[in-house]
Amino acid sequence: MKLNEAVSLRIKELLEQQNMTQYALFVKSGVPQSTLSTILNCTFDSMKLRIIYEICEGFEIDLKTFFDSPLFERENIFD
């Protein structure tokens, strides 16, 4: 899968695990809903690490926890 797909899937996993809506993540993270929609729909090619950091703040996790997923293993990501 592409990296943007892995990021999208990871956010969806975390939303489900924390029983959180996209709107709640927007409120807690400060990342605009339009940006979250773009990420979740994989309509972006790249993003700043700062956005992922802010999303992590909304989930109250660190970047290490975000990327600690089989989704980001080398064999699962391609360009």
C-alpha atoms as a PDB file:
ATOM      1  CA  MET A   1       0.000   0.000   0.000  1.00  0.00           C
ATOM      2  CA  LYS A   2       1.052   3.596  -0.394  1.00  0.00           C
ATOM      3  CA  LEU A   3       2.159   5.578   2.629  1.00  0.00           C
ATOM      4  CA  ASN A   4      -0.884   7.856   2.473  1.00  0.00           C
ATOM      5  CA  GLU A   5      -3.140   4.790   2.617  1.00  0.00           C
ATOM      6  CA  ALA A   6      -1.280   3.491   5.672  1.00  0.00           C
ATOM      7  CA  VAL A   7      -1.665   6.855   7.431  1.00  0.00           C
ATOM      8  CA  SER A   8      -5.375   6.926   6.602  1.00  0.00           C
ATOM      9  CA  LEU A   9      -5.930   3.379   7.847  1.00  0.00           C
ATOM     10  CA  ARG A  10      -4.006   4.065  11.043  1.00  0.00           C
ATOM     11  CA  ILE A  11      -6.118   7.121  11.826  1.00  0.00           C
ATOM     12  CA  LYS A  12      -9.283   5.123  11.162  1.00  0.00           C
ATOM     13  CA  GLU A  13      -8.003   2.371  13.506  1.00  0.00           C
ATOM     14  CA  LEU A  14      -7.304   4.891  16.247  1.00  0.00           C
ATOM     15  CA  LEU A  15     -10.685   6.574  15.790  1.00  0.00           C
ATOM     16  CA  GLU A  16     -12.358   3.195  16.234  1.00  0.00           C
ATOM     17  CA  GLN A  17     -10.151   2.149  19.176  1.00  0.00           C
ATOM     18  CA  GLN A  18     -10.862   5.395  21.003  1.00  0.00           C
ATOM     19  CA  ASN A  19     -14.528   5.461  19.977  1.00  0.00           C
ATOM     20  CA  MET A  20     -13.950   8.932  18.556  1.00  0.00           C
ATOM     21  CA  THR A  21     -15.551  10.711  15.638  1.00  0.00           C
ATOM     22  CA  GLN A  22     -13.704  12.697  13.020  1.00  0.00           C
ATOM     23  CA  TYR A  23     -15.309  15.807  14.484  1.00  0.00           C
ATOM     24  CA  ALA A  24     -14.023  14.977  17.978  1.00  0.00           C
ATOM     25  CA  LEU A  25     -10.531  14.512  16.554  1.00  0.00           C
ATOM     26  CA  PHE A  26     -10.803  17.925  14.884  1.00  0.00           C
ATOM     27  CA  VAL A  27     -11.810  19.516  18.187  1.00  0.00           C
ATOM     28  CA  LYS A  28      -9.054  17.812  20.192  1.00  0.00           C
ATOM     29  CA  SER A  29      -6.266  18.174  17.615  1.00  0.00           C
ATOM     30  CA  GLY A  30      -7.070  21.488  15.956  1.00  0.00           C
ATOM     31  CA  VAL A  31      -6.498  19.919  12.520  1.00  0.00           C
ATOM     32  CA  PRO A  32      -9.210  21.325  10.228  1.00  0.00           C
ATOM     33  CA  GLN A  33     -11.980  18.921   9.251  1.00  0.00           C
ATOM     34  CA  SER A  34     -11.200  19.501   5.587  1.00  0.00           C
ATOM     35  CA  THR A  35      -7.614  18.373   6.179  1.00  0.00           C
ATOM     36  CA  LEU A  36      -8.768  15.306   8.095  1.00  0.00           C
ATOM     37  CA  SER A  37     -11.163  14.412   5.274  1.00  0.00           C
ATOM     38  CA  THR A  38      -8.384  14.802   2.718  1.00  0.00           C
ATOM     39  CA  ILE A  39      -6.169  12.476   4.761  1.00  0.00           C
ATOM     40  CA  LEU A  40      -8.871   9.885   5.424  1.00  0.00           C
ATOM     41  CA  ASN A  41      -9.919   9.835   1.763  1.00  0.00           C
ATOM     42  CA  CYS A  42      -6.298   9.518   0.576  1.00  0.00           C
ATOM     43  CA  THR A  43      -6.597  12.535  -1.691  1.00  0.00           C
ATOM     44  CA  PHE A  44      -3.120  13.783  -0.816  1.00  0.00           C
ATOM     45  CA  ASP A  45       0.322  12.689  -1.882  1.00  0.00           C
ATOM     46  CA  SER A  46       2.239  13.919   1.127  1.00  0.00           C
ATOM     47  CA  MET A  47       1.788  15.827   4.351  1.00  0.00           C
ATOM     48  CA  LYS A  48       3.893  17.550   6.929  1.00  0.00           C
ATOM     49  CA  LEU A  49       4.927  15.550   9.944  1.00  0.00           C
ATOM     50  CA  ARG A  50       3.500  18.416  11.992  1.00  0.00           C
ATOM     51  CA  ILE A  51      -0.034  17.430  10.907  1.00  0.00           C
ATOM     52  CA  ILE A  52       0.523  13.857  12.084  1.00  0.00           C
ATOM     53  CA  TYR A  53       1.937  15.226  15.340  1.00  0.00           C
ATOM     54  CA  GLU A  54      -1.190  17.355  15.880  1.00  0.00           C
ATOM     55  CA  ILE A  55      -3.398  14.347  15.127  1.00  0.00           C
ATOM     56  CA  CYS A  56      -1.411  12.377  17.707  1.00  0.00           C
ATOM     57  CA  GLU A  57      -2.018  15.158  20.221  1.00  0.00           C
ATOM     58  CA  GLY A  58      -5.741  14.774  19.548  1.00  0.00           C
ATOM     59  CA  PHE A  59      -5.495  11.049  20.253  1.00  0.00           C
ATOM     60  CA  GLU A  60      -3.258  11.756  23.281  1.00  0.00           C
ATOM     61  CA  ILE A  61      -0.537   9.465  21.918  1.00  0.00           C
ATOM     62  CA  ASP A  62       3.018  10.068  20.783  1.00  0.00           C
ATOM     63  CA  LEU A  63       4.412   9.675  17.282  1.00  0.00           C
ATOM     64  CA  LYS A  64       6.075   6.402  18.268  1.00  0.00           C
ATOM     65  CA  THR A  65       2.707   4.917  19.165  1.00  0.00           C
ATOM     66  CA  PHE A  66       1.169   6.192  15.928  1.00  0.00           C
ATOM     67  CA  PHE A  67       3.812   4.550  13.779  1.00  0.00           C
ATOM     68  CA  ASP A  68       4.004   1.385  15.911  1.00  0.00           C
ATOM     69  CA  SER A  69       1.700  -0.551  13.611  1.00  0.00           C
ATOM     70  CA  PRO A  70       2.197  -3.329  11.075  1.00  0.00           C
ATOM     71  CA  LEU A  71       0.785  -0.891   8.527  1.00  0.00           C
ATOM     72  CA  PHE A  72       4.148   0.909   8.516  1.00  0.00           C
ATOM     73  CA  GLU A  73       6.397  -2.118   8.201  1.00  0.00           C
ATOM     74  CA  ARG A  74       8.765  -1.816   5.280  1.00  0.00           C
ATOM     75  CA  GLU A  75       7.282  -4.723   3.336  1.00  0.00           C
ATOM     76  CA  ASN A  76       3.806  -3.163   3.501  1.00  0.00           C
ATOM     77  CA  ILE A  77       4.739   0.215   1.995  1.00  0.00           C
ATOM     78  CA  PHE A  78       5.582   0.949  -1.620  1.00  0.00           C
ATOM     79  CA  ASP A  79       5.918   4.159  -3.627  1.00  0.00           C
END
